[in-house]
PDB file of N, CA and C in Angstrom:
ATOM      1  N   MET A   1      93.528 105.197  86.622  1.00  0.00           N
ATOM      2  CA  MET A   1      93.500 104.524  87.902  1.00  0.00           C
ATOM      3  C   MET A   1      94.888 104.606  88.551  1.00  0.00           C
ATOM      4  N   THR A   2      94.913 104.621  89.859  1.00  0.00           N
ATOM      5  CA  THR A   2      96.153 104.719  90.615  1.00  0.00           C
ATOM      6  C   THR A   2      96.921 103.414  90.530  1.00  0.00           C
ATOM      7  N   LYS A   3      98.093 103.464  89.895  1.00  0.00           N
ATOM      8  CA  LYS A   3      98.925 102.270  89.821  1.00  0.00           C
ATOM      9  C   LYS A   3     100.395 102.644  89.783  1.00  0.00           C
ATOM     10  N   LYS A   4     100.753 103.781  90.276  1.00  0.00           N
ATOM     11  CA  LYS A   4     102.134 104.236  90.157  1.00  0.00           C
ATOM     12  C   LYS A   4     103.019 103.765  91.302  1.00  0.00           C
ATOM     13  N   ARG A   5     102.839 104.358  92.492  1.00  0.00           N
ATOM     14  CA  ARG A   5     103.688 104.025  93.633  1.00  0.00           C
ATOM     15  C   ARG A   5     103.167 104.768  94.853  1.00  0.00           C
ATOM     16  N   ILE A   6     103.668 104.392  96.026  1.00  0.00           N
ATOM     17  CA  ILE A   6     103.387 105.176  97.221  1.00  0.00           C
ATOM     18  C   ILE A   6     104.281 106.409  97.127  1.00  0.00           C
ATOM     19  N   ASP A   7     103.685 107.583  97.113  1.00  0.00           N
ATOM     20  CA  ASP A   7     104.430 108.826  96.964  1.00  0.00           C
ATOM     21  C   ASP A   7     105.092 109.238  98.274  1.00  0.00           C
ATOM     22  N   HIS A   8     104.318 109.214  99.363  1.00  0.00           N
ATOM     23  CA  HIS A   8     104.879 109.587 100.657  1.00  0.00           C
ATOM     24  C   HIS A   8     104.027 109.034 101.789  1.00  0.00           C
ATOM     25  N   VAL A   9     104.613 109.041 102.986  1.00  0.00           N
ATOM     26  CA  VAL A   9     103.914 108.679 104.210  1.00  0.00           C
ATOM     27  C   VAL A   9     103.970 109.892 105.122  1.00  0.00           C
ATOM     28  N   GLY A  10     102.810 110.326 105.613  1.00  0.00           N
ATOM     29  CA  GLY A  10     102.718 111.514 106.452  1.00  0.00           C
ATOM     30  C   GLY A  10     102.734 111.160 107.929  1.00  0.00           C
ATOM     31  N   VAL A  11     103.669 111.767 108.660  1.00  0.00           N
ATOM     32  CA  VAL A  11     103.811 111.521 110.096  1.00  0.00           C
ATOM     33  C   VAL A  11     103.588 112.837 110.837  1.00  0.00           C
ATOM     34  N   MET A  12     102.661 112.834 111.790  1.00  0.00           N
ATOM     35  CA  MET A  12     102.404 114.041 112.570  1.00  0.00           C
ATOM     36  C   MET A  12     103.496 114.217 113.614  1.00  0.00           C
ATOM     37  N   VAL A  13     103.964 115.462 113.769  1.00  0.00           N
ATOM     38  CA  VAL A  13     105.020 115.777 114.733  1.00  0.00           C
ATOM     39  C   VAL A  13     104.598 116.973 115.577  1.00  0.00           C
ATOM     40  N   LYS A  14     105.143 117.048 116.790  1.00  0.00           N
ATOM     41  CA  LYS A  14     104.856 118.173 117.680  1.00  0.00           C
ATOM     42  C   LYS A  14     105.799 119.343 117.444  1.00  0.00           C
ATOM     43  N   ASN A  15     107.053 119.051 117.084  1.00  0.00           N
ATOM     44  CA  ASN A  15     108.071 120.088 116.941  1.00  0.00           C
ATOM     45  C   ASN A  15     108.841 119.839 115.640  1.00  0.00           C
ATOM     46  N   MET A  16     108.551 120.654 114.632  1.00  0.00           N
ATOM     47  CA  MET A  16     109.148 120.464 113.311  1.00  0.00           C
ATOM     48  C   MET A  16     110.670 120.547 113.359  1.00  0.00           C
ATOM     49  N   GLU A  17     111.205 121.523 114.089  1.00  0.00           N
ATOM     50  CA  GLU A  17     112.666 121.696 114.156  1.00  0.00           C
ATOM     51  C   GLU A  17     113.340 120.455 114.738  1.00  0.00           C
ATOM     52  N   ALA A  18     112.794 119.964 115.848  1.00  0.00           N
ATOM     53  CA  ALA A  18     113.369 118.786 116.501  1.00  0.00           C
ATOM     54  C   ALA A  18     113.244 117.556 115.604  1.00  0.00           C
ATOM     55  N   SER A  19     112.124 117.429 114.917  1.00  0.00           N
ATOM     56  CA  SER A  19     111.915 116.265 114.057  1.00  0.00           C
ATOM     57  C   SER A  19     112.843 116.290 112.848  1.00  0.00           C
ATOM     58  N   ILE A  20     112.989 117.455 112.222  1.00  0.00           N
ATOM     59  CA  ILE A  20     113.910 117.563 111.087  1.00  0.00           C
ATOM     60  C   ILE A  20     115.329 117.255 111.544  1.00  0.00           C
ATOM     61  N   ALA A  21     115.719 117.793 112.690  1.00  0.00           N
ATOM     62  CA  ALA A  21     117.064 117.537 113.217  1.00  0.00           C
ATOM     63  C   ALA A  21     117.280 116.048 113.465  1.00  0.00           C
ATOM     64  N   PHE A  22     116.277 115.361 114.003  1.00  0.00           N
ATOM     65  CA  PHE A  22     116.393 113.933 114.273  1.00  0.00           C
ATOM     66  C   PHE A  22     116.522 113.137 112.978  1.00  0.00           C
ATOM     67  N   TYR A  23     115.586 113.361 112.054  1.00  0.00           N
ATOM     68  CA  TYR A  23     115.577 112.560 110.822  1.00  0.00           C
ATOM     69  C   TYR A  23     116.790 112.838 109.936  1.00  0.00           C
ATOM     70  N   THR A  24     117.287 114.082 109.928  1.00  0.00           N
ATOM     71  CA  THR A  24     118.463 114.385 109.105  1.00  0.00           C
ATOM     72  C   THR A  24     119.760 114.059 109.844  1.00  0.00           C
ATOM     73  N   GLY A  25     119.885 114.503 111.085  1.00  0.00           N
ATOM     74  CA  GLY A  25     121.126 114.335 111.822  1.00  0.00           C
ATOM     75  C   GLY A  25     121.374 112.944 112.357  1.00  0.00           C
ATOM     76  N   ILE A  26     120.314 112.239 112.724  1.00  0.00           N
ATOM     77  CA  ILE A  26     120.452 110.918 113.339  1.00  0.00           C
ATOM     78  C   ILE A  26     120.227 109.794 112.327  1.00  0.00           C
ATOM     79  N   LEU A  27     119.188 109.927 111.491  1.00  0.00           N
ATOM     80  CA  LEU A  27     118.831 108.836 110.587  1.00  0.00           C
ATOM     81  C   LEU A  27     119.322 109.022 109.150  1.00  0.00           C
ATOM     82  N   GLY A  28     119.900 110.179 108.842  1.00  0.00           N
ATOM     83  CA  GLY A  28     120.508 110.362 107.537  1.00  0.00           C
ATOM     84  C   GLY A  28     119.603 110.807 106.413  1.00  0.00           C
ATOM     85  N   PHE A  29     118.387 111.233 106.731  1.00  0.00           N
ATOM     86  CA  PHE A  29     117.504 111.778 105.700  1.00  0.00           C
ATOM     87  C   PHE A  29     118.046 113.112 105.207  1.00  0.00           C
ATOM     88  N   GLU A  30     117.611 113.526 104.022  1.00  0.00           N
ATOM     89  CA  GLU A  30     117.888 114.858 103.495  1.00  0.00           C
ATOM     90  C   GLU A  30     116.577 115.630 103.466  1.00  0.00           C
ATOM     91  N   LEU A  31     116.625 116.905 103.839  1.00  0.00           N
ATOM     92  CA  LEU A  31     115.445 117.755 103.759  1.00  0.00           C
ATOM     93  C   LEU A  31     115.258 118.169 102.304  1.00  0.00           C
ATOM     94  N   LYS A  32     114.152 117.753 101.699  1.00  0.00           N
ATOM     95  CA  LYS A  32     113.872 118.060 100.292  1.00  0.00           C
ATOM     96  C   LYS A  32     113.123 119.373 100.143  1.00  0.00           C
ATOM     97  N   GLY A  33     112.299 119.695 101.115  1.00  0.00           N
ATOM     98  CA  GLY A  33     111.514 120.916 101.038  1.00  0.00           C
ATOM     99  C   GLY A  33     110.674 121.098 102.274  1.00  0.00           C
ATOM    100  N   ARG A  34     110.349 122.342 102.522  1.00  0.00           N
ATOM    101  CA  ARG A  34     109.561 122.707 103.698  1.00  0.00           C
ATOM    102  C   ARG A  34     108.623 123.822 103.274  1.00  0.00           C
ATOM    103  N   ILE A  35     107.315 123.622 103.465  1.00  0.00           N
ATOM    104  CA  ILE A  35     106.351 124.619 103.013  1.00  0.00           C
ATOM    105  C   ILE A  35     105.217 124.773 104.022  1.00  0.00           C
ATOM    106  N   PRO A  36     104.634 125.960 104.074  1.00  0.00           N
ATOM    107  CA  PRO A  36     103.403 126.118 104.844  1.00  0.00           C
ATOM    108  C   PRO A  36     102.262 125.509 104.039  1.00  0.00           C
ATOM    109  N   HIS A  37     101.291 124.955 104.724  1.00  0.00           N
ATOM    110  CA  HIS A  37     100.089 124.466 104.053  1.00  0.00           C
ATOM    111  C   HIS A  37      99.276 125.670 103.601  1.00  0.00           C
ATOM    112  N   SER A  38      98.457 125.496 102.592  1.00  0.00           N
ATOM    113  CA  SER A  38      97.622 126.600 102.113  1.00  0.00           C
ATOM    114  C   SER A  38      96.563 127.013 103.132  1.00  0.00           C
ATOM    115  N   ASN A  39      96.327 126.201 104.185  1.00  0.00           N
ATOM    116  CA  ASN A  39      95.359 126.580 105.220  1.00  0.00           C
ATOM    117  C   ASN A  39      95.940 127.558 106.242  1.00  0.00           C
ATOM    118  N   GLY A  40      97.251 127.829 106.169  1.00  0.00           N
ATOM    119  CA  GLY A  40      97.880 128.799 107.052  1.00  0.00           C
ATOM    120  C   GLY A  40      98.169 128.305 108.458  1.00  0.00           C
ATOM    121  N   ILE A  41      97.865 127.063 108.766  1.00  0.00           N
ATOM    122  CA  ILE A  41      98.058 126.527 110.111  1.00  0.00           C
ATOM    123  C   ILE A  41      99.133 125.447 110.129  1.00  0.00           C
ATOM    124  N   ILE A  42      99.036 124.530 109.202  1.00  0.00           N
ATOM    125  CA  ILE A  42      99.912 123.364 109.163  1.00  0.00           C
ATOM    126  C   ILE A  42     101.209 123.704 108.428  1.00  0.00           C
ATOM    127  N   GLU A  43     102.320 123.096 108.889  1.00  0.00           N
ATOM    128  CA  GLU A  43     103.585 123.192 108.177  1.00  0.00           C
ATOM    129  C   GLU A  43     103.988 121.783 107.751  1.00  0.00           C
ATOM    130  N   LEU A  44     104.539 121.674 106.546  1.00  0.00           N
ATOM    131  CA  LEU A  44     104.941 120.393 105.987  1.00  0.00           C
ATOM    132  C   LEU A  44     106.430 120.397 105.677  1.00  0.00           C
ATOM    133  N   ALA A  45     107.066 119.260 105.859  1.00  0.00           N
ATOM    134  CA  ALA A  45     108.456 119.075 105.443  1.00  0.00           C
ATOM    135  C   ALA A  45     108.547 117.718 104.768  1.00  0.00           C
ATOM    136  N   PHE A  46     109.234 117.670 103.636  1.00  0.00           N
ATOM    137  CA  PHE A  46     109.423 116.429 102.900  1.00  0.00           C
ATOM    138  C   PHE A  46     110.886 116.019 102.990  1.00  0.00           C
ATOM    139  N   LEU A  47     111.126 114.756 103.355  1.00  0.00           N
ATOM    140  CA  LEU A  47     112.478 114.250 103.512  1.00  0.00           C
ATOM    141  C   LEU A  47     112.651 112.964 102.706  1.00  0.00           C
ATOM    142  N   GLY A  48     113.888 112.680 102.361  1.00  0.00           N
ATOM    143  CA  GLY A  48     114.196 111.454 101.635  1.00  0.00           C
ATOM    144  C   GLY A  48     115.682 111.188 101.701  1.00  0.00           C
ATOM    145  N   PHE A  49     116.135 110.286 100.847  1.00  0.00           N
ATOM    146  CA  PHE A  49     117.545 109.909 100.822  1.00  0.00           C
ATOM    147  C   PHE A  49     118.228 110.312  99.523  1.00  0.00           C
ATOM    148  N   GLY A  50     117.538 111.081  98.691  1.00  0.00           N
ATOM    149  CA  GLY A  50     118.142 111.576  97.463  1.00  0.00           C
ATOM    150  C   GLY A  50     118.113 110.597  96.306  1.00  0.00           C
ATOM    151  N   HIS A  51     117.258 109.581  96.375  1.00  0.00           N
ATOM    152  CA  HIS A  51     117.164 108.596  95.306  1.00  0.00           C
ATOM    153  C   HIS A  51     116.019 108.955  94.360  1.00  0.00           C
ATOM    154  N   GLU A  52     116.221 108.725  93.095  1.00  0.00           N
ATOM    155  CA  GLU A  52     115.190 108.961  92.080  1.00  0.00           C
ATOM    156  C   GLU A  52     113.973 108.087  92.371  1.00  0.00           C
ATOM    157  N   GLY A  53     112.786 108.682  92.378  1.00  0.00           N
ATOM    158  CA  GLY A  53     111.552 107.928  92.526  1.00  0.00           C
ATOM    159  C   GLY A  53     111.287 107.350  93.897  1.00  0.00           C
ATOM    160  N   GLU A  54     111.994 107.823  94.916  1.00  0.00           N
ATOM    161  CA  GLU A  54     111.807 107.268  96.251  1.00  0.00           C
ATOM    162  C   GLU A  54     110.498 107.734  96.883  1.00  0.00           C
ATOM    163  N   THR A  55     110.061 107.009  97.892  1.00  0.00           N
ATOM    164  CA  THR A  55     108.915 107.404  98.701  1.00  0.00           C
ATOM    165  C   THR A  55     109.410 108.393  99.745  1.00  0.00           C
ATOM    166  N   ASP A  56     108.754 109.553  99.829  1.00  0.00           N
ATOM    167  CA  ASP A  56     109.159 110.586 100.783  1.00  0.00           C
ATOM    168  C   ASP A  56     108.548 110.343 102.160  1.00  0.00           C
ATOM    169  N   LEU A  57     109.196 110.892 103.156  1.00  0.00           N
ATOM    170  CA  LEU A  57     108.634 110.996 104.492  1.00  0.00           C
ATOM    171  C   LEU A  57     108.149 112.436 104.629  1.00  0.00           C
ATOM    172  N   GLU A  58     106.857 112.613 104.909  1.00  0.00           N
ATOM    173  CA  GLU A  58     106.289 113.943 105.090  1.00  0.00           C
ATOM    174  C   GLU A  58     106.047 114.162 106.576  1.00  0.00           C
ATOM    175  N   LEU A  59     106.659 115.218 107.135  1.00  0.00           N
ATOM    176  CA  LEU A  59     106.409 115.593 108.520  1.00  0.00           C
ATOM    177  C   LEU A  59     105.328 116.660 108.526  1.00  0.00           C
ATOM    178  N   ILE A  60     104.373 116.533 109.451  1.00  0.00           N
ATOM    179  CA  ILE A  60     103.220 117.436 109.516  1.00  0.00           C
ATOM    180  C   ILE A  60     103.147 118.021 110.916  1.00  0.00           C
ATOM    181  N   GLN A  61     103.319 119.337 111.024  1.00  0.00           N
ATOM    182  CA  GLN A  61     103.195 120.003 112.324  1.00  0.00           C
ATOM    183  C   GLN A  61     101.975 120.913 112.300  1.00  0.00           C
ATOM    184  N   GLY A  62     101.225 120.897 113.407  1.00  0.00           N
ATOM    185  CA  GLY A  62     100.092 121.801 113.551  1.00  0.00           C
ATOM    186  C   GLY A  62      98.751 121.164 113.275  1.00  0.00           C
ATOM    187  N   TYR A  63      98.744 119.906 112.870  1.00  0.00           N
ATOM    188  CA  TYR A  63      97.477 119.222 112.601  1.00  0.00           C
ATOM    189  C   TYR A  63      96.822 118.784 113.897  1.00  0.00           C
ATOM    190  N   ASN A  64      97.624 118.174 114.775  1.00  0.00           N
ATOM    191  CA  ASN A  64      97.115 117.691 116.045  1.00  0.00           C
ATOM    192  C   ASN A  64      98.306 117.522 116.983  1.00  0.00           C
ATOM    193  N   ASP A  65      98.366 118.309 118.029  1.00  0.00           N
ATOM    194  CA  ASP A  65      99.480 118.224 118.967  1.00  0.00           C
ATOM    195  C   ASP A  65      99.276 117.181 120.058  1.00  0.00           C
ATOM    196  N   SER A  66      98.120 116.530 120.083  1.00  0.00           N
ATOM    197  CA  SER A  66      97.836 115.504 121.090  1.00  0.00           C
ATOM    198  C   SER A  66      98.164 114.134 120.512  1.00  0.00           C
ATOM    199  N   LEU A  67      99.436 113.828 120.438  1.00  0.00           N
ATOM    200  CA  LEU A  67      99.864 112.572 119.844  1.00  0.00           C
ATOM    201  C   LEU A  67     100.020 111.499 120.910  1.00  0.00           C
ATOM    202  N   PRO A  68      99.691 110.250 120.571  1.00  0.00           N
ATOM    203  CA  PRO A  68      99.928 109.167 121.525  1.00  0.00           C
ATOM    204  C   PRO A  68     101.427 108.942 121.698  1.00  0.00           C
ATOM    205  N   LEU A  69     101.801 108.225 122.720  1.00  0.00           N
ATOM    206  CA  LEU A  69     103.200 107.975 123.037  1.00  0.00           C
ATOM    207  C   LEU A  69     103.962 107.397 121.845  1.00  0.00           C
ATOM    208  N   GLU A  70     103.322 106.518 121.078  1.00  0.00           N
ATOM    209  CA  GLU A  70     104.007 105.875 119.959  1.00  0.00           C
ATOM    210  C   GLU A  70     104.002 106.722 118.688  1.00  0.00           C
ATOM    211  N   GLY A  71     103.507 107.955 118.759  1.00  0.00           N
ATOM    212  CA  GLY A  71     103.460 108.813 117.578  1.00  0.00           C
ATOM    213  C   GLY A  71     102.259 108.471 116.716  1.00  0.00           C
ATOM    214  N   LYS A  72     102.170 109.081 115.547  1.00  0.00           N
ATOM    215  CA  LYS A  72     101.008 108.810 114.720  1.00  0.00           C
ATOM    216  C   LYS A  72     101.325 108.983 113.246  1.00  0.00           C
ATOM    217  N   VAL A  73     101.114 107.906 112.510  1.00  0.00           N
ATOM    218  CA  VAL A  73     101.152 108.004 111.054  1.00  0.00           C
ATOM    219  C   VAL A  73      99.803 108.570 110.642  1.00  0.00           C
ATOM    220  N   HIS A  74      99.818 109.664 109.943  1.00  0.00           N
ATOM    221  CA  HIS A  74      98.600 110.364 109.563  1.00  0.00           C
ATOM    222  C   HIS A  74      97.970 109.763 108.317  1.00  0.00           C
ATOM    223  N   HIS A  75      98.783 109.415 107.320  1.00  0.00           N
ATOM    224  CA  HIS A  75      98.260 108.890 106.060  1.00  0.00           C
ATOM    225  C   HIS A  75      99.394 108.323 105.220  1.00  0.00           C
ATOM    226  N   PHE A  76      99.031 107.623 104.153  1.00  0.00           N
ATOM    227  CA  PHE A  76      99.990 107.338 103.090  1.00  0.00           C
ATOM    228  C   PHE A  76      99.398 107.882 101.798  1.00  0.00           C
ATOM    229  N   ALA A  77     100.274 108.244 100.888  1.00  0.00           N
ATOM    230  CA  ALA A  77      99.836 108.924  99.667  1.00  0.00           C
ATOM    231  C   ALA A  77     100.210 108.119  98.437  1.00  0.00           C
ATOM    232  N   LEU A  78      99.260 108.026  97.521  1.00  0.00           N
ATOM    233  CA  LEU A  78      99.488 107.375  96.243  1.00  0.00           C
ATOM    234  C   LEU A  78      99.710 108.439  95.181  1.00  0.00           C
ATOM    235  N   SER A  79     100.751 108.278  94.416  1.00  0.00           N
ATOM    236  CA  SER A  79     101.076 109.210  93.345  1.00  0.00           C
ATOM    237  C   SER A  79     100.138 108.971  92.169  1.00  0.00           C
ATOM    238  N   VAL A  80      99.548 110.037  91.638  1.00  0.00           N
ATOM    239  CA  VAL A  80      98.662 109.937  90.475  1.00  0.00           C
ATOM    240  C   VAL A  80      99.100 110.941  89.411  1.00  0.00           C
ATOM    241  N   ASP A  81      98.794 110.621  88.162  1.00  0.00           N
ATOM    242  CA  ASP A  81      99.131 111.509  87.047  1.00  0.00           C
ATOM    243  C   ASP A  81      98.157 112.669  86.920  1.00  0.00           C
ATOM    244  N   ASP A  82      96.875 112.415  87.256  1.00  0.00           N
ATOM    245  CA  ASP A  82      95.827 113.426  87.060  1.00  0.00           C
ATOM    246  C   ASP A  82      94.882 113.387  88.254  1.00  0.00           C
ATOM    247  N   VAL A  83      95.129 114.245  89.228  1.00  0.00           N
ATOM    248  CA  VAL A  83      94.354 114.233  90.471  1.00  0.00           C
ATOM    249  C   VAL A  83      92.885 114.554  90.216  1.00  0.00           C
ATOM    250  N   GLN A  84      92.600 115.429  89.269  1.00  0.00           N
ATOM    251  CA  GLN A  84      91.209 115.784  88.937  1.00  0.00           C
ATOM    252  C   GLN A  84      90.466 114.570  88.384  1.00  0.00           C
ATOM    253  N   ALA A  85      91.094 113.841  87.488  1.00  0.00           N
ATOM    254  CA  ALA A  85      90.461 112.649  86.911  1.00  0.00           C
ATOM    255  C   ALA A  85      90.199 111.597  87.986  1.00  0.00           C
ATOM    256  N   GLU A  86      91.162 111.414  88.920  1.00  0.00           N
ATOM    257  CA  GLU A  86      90.966 110.459  90.006  1.00  0.00           C
ATOM    258  C   GLU A  86      89.828 110.884  90.925  1.00  0.00           C
ATOM    259  N   PHE A  87      89.751 112.188  91.206  1.00  0.00           N
ATOM    260  CA  PHE A  87      88.673 112.702  92.050  1.00  0.00           C
ATOM    261  C   PHE A  87      87.321 112.399  91.404  1.00  0.00           C
ATOM    262  N   GLU A  88      87.214 112.663  90.116  1.00  0.00           N
ATOM    263  CA  GLU A  88      85.960 112.420  89.394  1.00  0.00           C
ATOM    264  C   GLU A  88      85.640 110.928  89.322  1.00  0.00           C
ATOM    265  N   ARG A  89      86.649 110.093  89.062  1.00  0.00           N
ATOM    266  CA  ARG A  89      86.437 108.649  88.975  1.00  0.00           C
ATOM    267  C   ARG A  89      85.952 108.085  90.310  1.00  0.00           C
ATOM    268  N   LEU A  90      86.619 108.450  91.398  1.00  0.00           N
ATOM    269  CA  LEU A  90      86.249 107.924  92.712  1.00  0.00           C
ATOM    270  C   LEU A  90      84.909 108.470  93.196  1.00  0.00           C
ATOM    271  N   ASN A  91      84.553 109.652  92.743  1.00  0.00           N
ATOM    272  CA  ASN A  91      83.263 110.246  93.104  1.00  0.00           C
ATOM    273  C   ASN A  91      82.095 109.404  92.601  1.00  0.00           C
ATOM    274  N   LYS A  92      82.318 108.610  91.566  1.00  0.00           N
ATOM    275  CA  LYS A  92      81.275 107.765  90.983  1.00  0.00           C
ATOM    276  C   LYS A  92      81.194 106.403  91.668  1.00  0.00           C
ATOM    277  N   LEU A  93      82.128 106.123  92.567  1.00  0.00           N
ATOM    278  CA  LEU A  93      82.188 104.826  93.236  1.00  0.00           C
ATOM    279  C   LEU A  93      81.758 104.957  94.693  1.00  0.00           C
ATOM    280  N   ASP A  94      81.656 103.831  95.367  1.00  0.00           N
ATOM    281  CA  ASP A  94      81.268 103.814  96.786  1.00  0.00           C
ATOM    282  C   ASP A  94      82.496 104.086  97.644  1.00  0.00           C
ATOM    283  N   VAL A  95      82.930 105.355  97.659  1.00  0.00           N
ATOM    284  CA  VAL A  95      84.134 105.771  98.361  1.00  0.00           C
ATOM    285  C   VAL A  95      83.769 106.899  99.317  1.00  0.00           C
ATOM    286  N   THR A  96      84.318 106.878 100.516  1.00  0.00           N
ATOM    287  CA  THR A  96      84.103 107.955 101.482  1.00  0.00           C
ATOM    288  C   THR A  96      85.234 108.963 101.339  1.00  0.00           C
ATOM    289  N   PHE A  97      84.878 110.202 101.043  1.00  0.00           N
ATOM    290  CA  PHE A  97      85.854 111.275 100.888  1.00  0.00           C
ATOM    291  C   PHE A  97      86.066 111.977 102.226  1.00  0.00           C
ATOM    292  N   ILE A  98      87.318 112.299 102.535  1.00  0.00           N
ATOM    293  CA  ILE A  98      87.651 113.082 103.715  1.00  0.00           C
ATOM    294  C   ILE A  98      87.524 114.566 103.380  1.00  0.00           C
ATOM    295  N   ASP A  99      87.883 114.914 102.148  1.00  0.00           N
ATOM    296  CA  ASP A  99      87.876 116.309 101.682  1.00  0.00           C
ATOM    297  C   ASP A  99      86.656 116.577 100.817  1.00  0.00           C
ATOM    298  N   ASP A 100      86.252 117.852 100.777  1.00  0.00           N
ATOM    299  CA  ASP A 100      85.163 118.263  99.893  1.00  0.00           C
ATOM    300  C   ASP A 100      85.643 118.451  98.461  1.00  0.00           C
ATOM    301  N   GLY A 101      86.931 118.651  98.295  1.00  0.00           N
ATOM    302  CA  GLY A 101      87.476 118.892  96.969  1.00  0.00           C
ATOM    303  C   GLY A 101      88.973 118.682  96.969  1.00  0.00           C
ATOM    304  N   ILE A 102      89.602 119.157  95.918  1.00  0.00           N
ATOM    305  CA  ILE A 102      91.046 119.030  95.751  1.00  0.00           C
ATOM    306  C   ILE A 102      91.727 120.240  96.379  1.00  0.00           C
ATOM    307  N   THR A 103      92.763 120.002  97.165  1.00  0.00           N
ATOM    308  CA  THR A 103      93.547 121.074  97.782  1.00  0.00           C
ATOM    309  C   THR A 103      94.800 121.302  96.955  1.00  0.00           C
ATOM    310  N   THR A 104      95.130 122.576  96.734  1.00  0.00           N
ATOM    311  CA  THR A 104      96.363 122.935  96.041  1.00  0.00           C
ATOM    312  C   THR A 104      97.291 123.626  97.039  1.00  0.00           C
ATOM    313  N   LEU A 105      98.493 123.093  97.192  1.00  0.00           N
ATOM    314  CA  LEU A 105      99.499 123.674  98.084  1.00  0.00           C
ATOM    315  C   LEU A 105     100.224 124.824  97.379  1.00  0.00           C
ATOM    316  N   PRO A 106     100.904 125.686  98.144  1.00  0.00           N
ATOM    317  CA  PRO A 106     101.610 126.822  97.541  1.00  0.00           C
ATOM    318  C   PRO A 106     102.631 126.435  96.472  1.00  0.00           C
ATOM    319  N   ASN A 107     103.168 125.219  96.541  1.00  0.00           N
ATOM    320  CA  ASN A 107     104.146 124.786  95.532  1.00  0.00           C
ATOM    321  C   ASN A 107     103.496 124.135  94.312  1.00  0.00           C
ATOM    322  N   GLY A 108     102.158 124.117  94.257  1.00  0.00           N
ATOM    323  CA  GLY A 108     101.436 123.572  93.117  1.00  0.00           C
ATOM    324  C   GLY A 108     101.025 122.121  93.254  1.00  0.00           C
ATOM    325  N   PHE A 109     101.535 121.394  94.260  1.00  0.00           N
ATOM    326  CA  PHE A 109     101.111 120.010  94.468  1.00  0.00           C
ATOM    327  C   PHE A 109      99.616 120.011  94.784  1.00  0.00           C
ATOM    328  N   GLN A 110      98.904 118.980  94.337  1.00  0.00           N
ATOM    329  CA  GLN A 110      97.466 118.884  94.580  1.00  0.00           C
ATOM    330  C   GLN A 110      97.136 117.521  95.176  1.00  0.00           C
ATOM    331  N   TYR A 111      96.075 117.493  96.017  1.00  0.00           N
ATOM    332  CA  TYR A 111      95.701 116.236  96.663  1.00  0.00           C
ATOM    333  C   TYR A 111      94.277 116.262  97.171  1.00  0.00           C
ATOM    334  N   PHE A 112      93.774 115.055  97.473  1.00  0.00           N
ATOM    335  CA  PHE A 112      92.557 114.883  98.256  1.00  0.00           C
ATOM    336  C   PHE A 112      92.685 113.558  98.997  1.00  0.00           C
ATOM    337  N   PHE A 113      91.864 113.396 100.030  1.00  0.00           N
ATOM    338  CA  PHE A 113      91.900 112.191 100.859  1.00  0.00           C
ATOM    339  C   PHE A 113      90.602 111.401 100.729  1.00  0.00           C
ATOM    340  N   VAL A 114      90.746 110.080 100.781  1.00  0.00           N
ATOM    341  CA  VAL A 114      89.608 109.182 100.915  1.00  0.00           C
ATOM    342  C   VAL A 114      89.874 108.289 102.120  1.00  0.00           C
ATOM    343  N   SER A 115      88.815 107.658 102.585  1.00  0.00           N
ATOM    344  CA  SER A 115      88.921 106.767 103.731  1.00  0.00           C
ATOM    345  C   SER A 115      88.888 105.323 103.254  1.00  0.00           C
ATOM    346  N   GLY A 116      89.786 104.504 103.815  1.00  0.00           N
ATOM    347  CA  GLY A 116      89.783 103.079 103.522  1.00  0.00           C
ATOM    348  C   GLY A 116      88.732 102.364 104.352  1.00  0.00           C
ATOM    349  N   PRO A 117      88.600 101.056 104.189  1.00  0.00           N
ATOM    350  CA  PRO A 117      87.555 100.296 104.871  1.00  0.00           C
ATOM    351  C   PRO A 117      87.591 100.383 106.386  1.00  0.00           C
ATOM    352  N   ASP A 118      88.780 100.592 106.978  1.00  0.00           N
ATOM    353  CA  ASP A 118      88.897 100.678 108.429  1.00  0.00           C
ATOM    354  C   ASP A 118      89.141 102.099 108.916  1.00  0.00           C
ATOM    355  N   GLY A 119      88.853 103.075 108.058  1.00  0.00           N
ATOM    356  CA  GLY A 119      89.000 104.475 108.438  1.00  0.00           C
ATOM    357  C   GLY A 119      90.371 105.052 108.167  1.00  0.00           C
ATOM    358  N   GLU A 120      91.299 104.256 107.627  1.00  0.00           N
ATOM    359  CA  GLU A 120      92.631 104.774 107.324  1.00  0.00           C
ATOM    360  C   GLU A 120      92.541 105.843 106.234  1.00  0.00           C
ATOM    361  N   TRP A 121      93.394 106.859 106.355  1.00  0.00           N
ATOM    362  CA  TRP A 121      93.394 107.951 105.384  1.00  0.00           C
ATOM    363  C   TRP A 121      94.360 107.635 104.248  1.00  0.00           C
ATOM    364  N   ILE A 122      93.866 107.776 103.026  1.00  0.00           N
ATOM    365  CA  ILE A 122      94.659 107.547 101.825  1.00  0.00           C
ATOM    366  C   ILE A 122      94.597 108.821 100.994  1.00  0.00           C
ATOM    367  N   GLU A 123      95.757 109.358 100.709  1.00  0.00           N
ATOM    368  CA  GLU A 123      95.845 110.596  99.937  1.00  0.00           C
ATOM    369  C   GLU A 123      96.160 110.266  98.478  1.00  0.00           C
ATOM    370  N   LEU A 124      95.444 110.880  97.569  1.00  0.00           N
ATOM    371  CA  LEU A 124      95.782 110.790  96.153  1.00  0.00           C
ATOM    372  C   LEU A 124      96.446 112.100  95.799  1.00  0.00           C
ATOM    373  N   PHE A 125      97.670 112.020  95.311  1.00  0.00           N
ATOM    374  CA  PHE A 125      98.598 113.144  95.319  1.00  0.00           C
ATOM    375  C   PHE A 125      99.253 113.307  93.957  1.00  0.00           C
ATOM    376  N   GLN A 126      99.202 114.537  93.444  1.00  0.00           N
ATOM    377  CA  GLN A 126      99.868 114.853  92.176  1.00  0.00           C
ATOM    378  C   GLN A 126     100.902 115.934  92.405  1.00  0.00           C
ATOM    379  N   ARG A 127     102.147 115.639  92.055  1.00  0.00           N
ATOM    380  CA  ARG A 127     103.225 116.626  92.165  1.00  0.00           C
ATOM    381  C   ARG A 127     103.134 117.615  91.033  1.00  0.00           C
TER     382      ARG A 127
END
């Protein structure tokens, strides 16, 4: 069962370069990594402050360019030890899945999304 920590919070952005420059140059984040999504459309960047076990900020470009004025938090992610086991466990419960299966990113990270009671997206994520 998921009981570790919030792994990251995903924020949709219109311009990855401008967003990375803002979060690193203005707010003091460090760029931890930047990867294309395995779908070939979305680009991801992970930022933090260089602390062990910290919650990352994930920037997401290419998911939806029609953002409201206040921006949009796309999801929050819970860190899990075994994403396959969590997928199977939740499949047996009354849970609404956003994904048909587990997605594997080019760096080997794996995840899937479920919907919370009010439609919020929750990612179960294994590094």
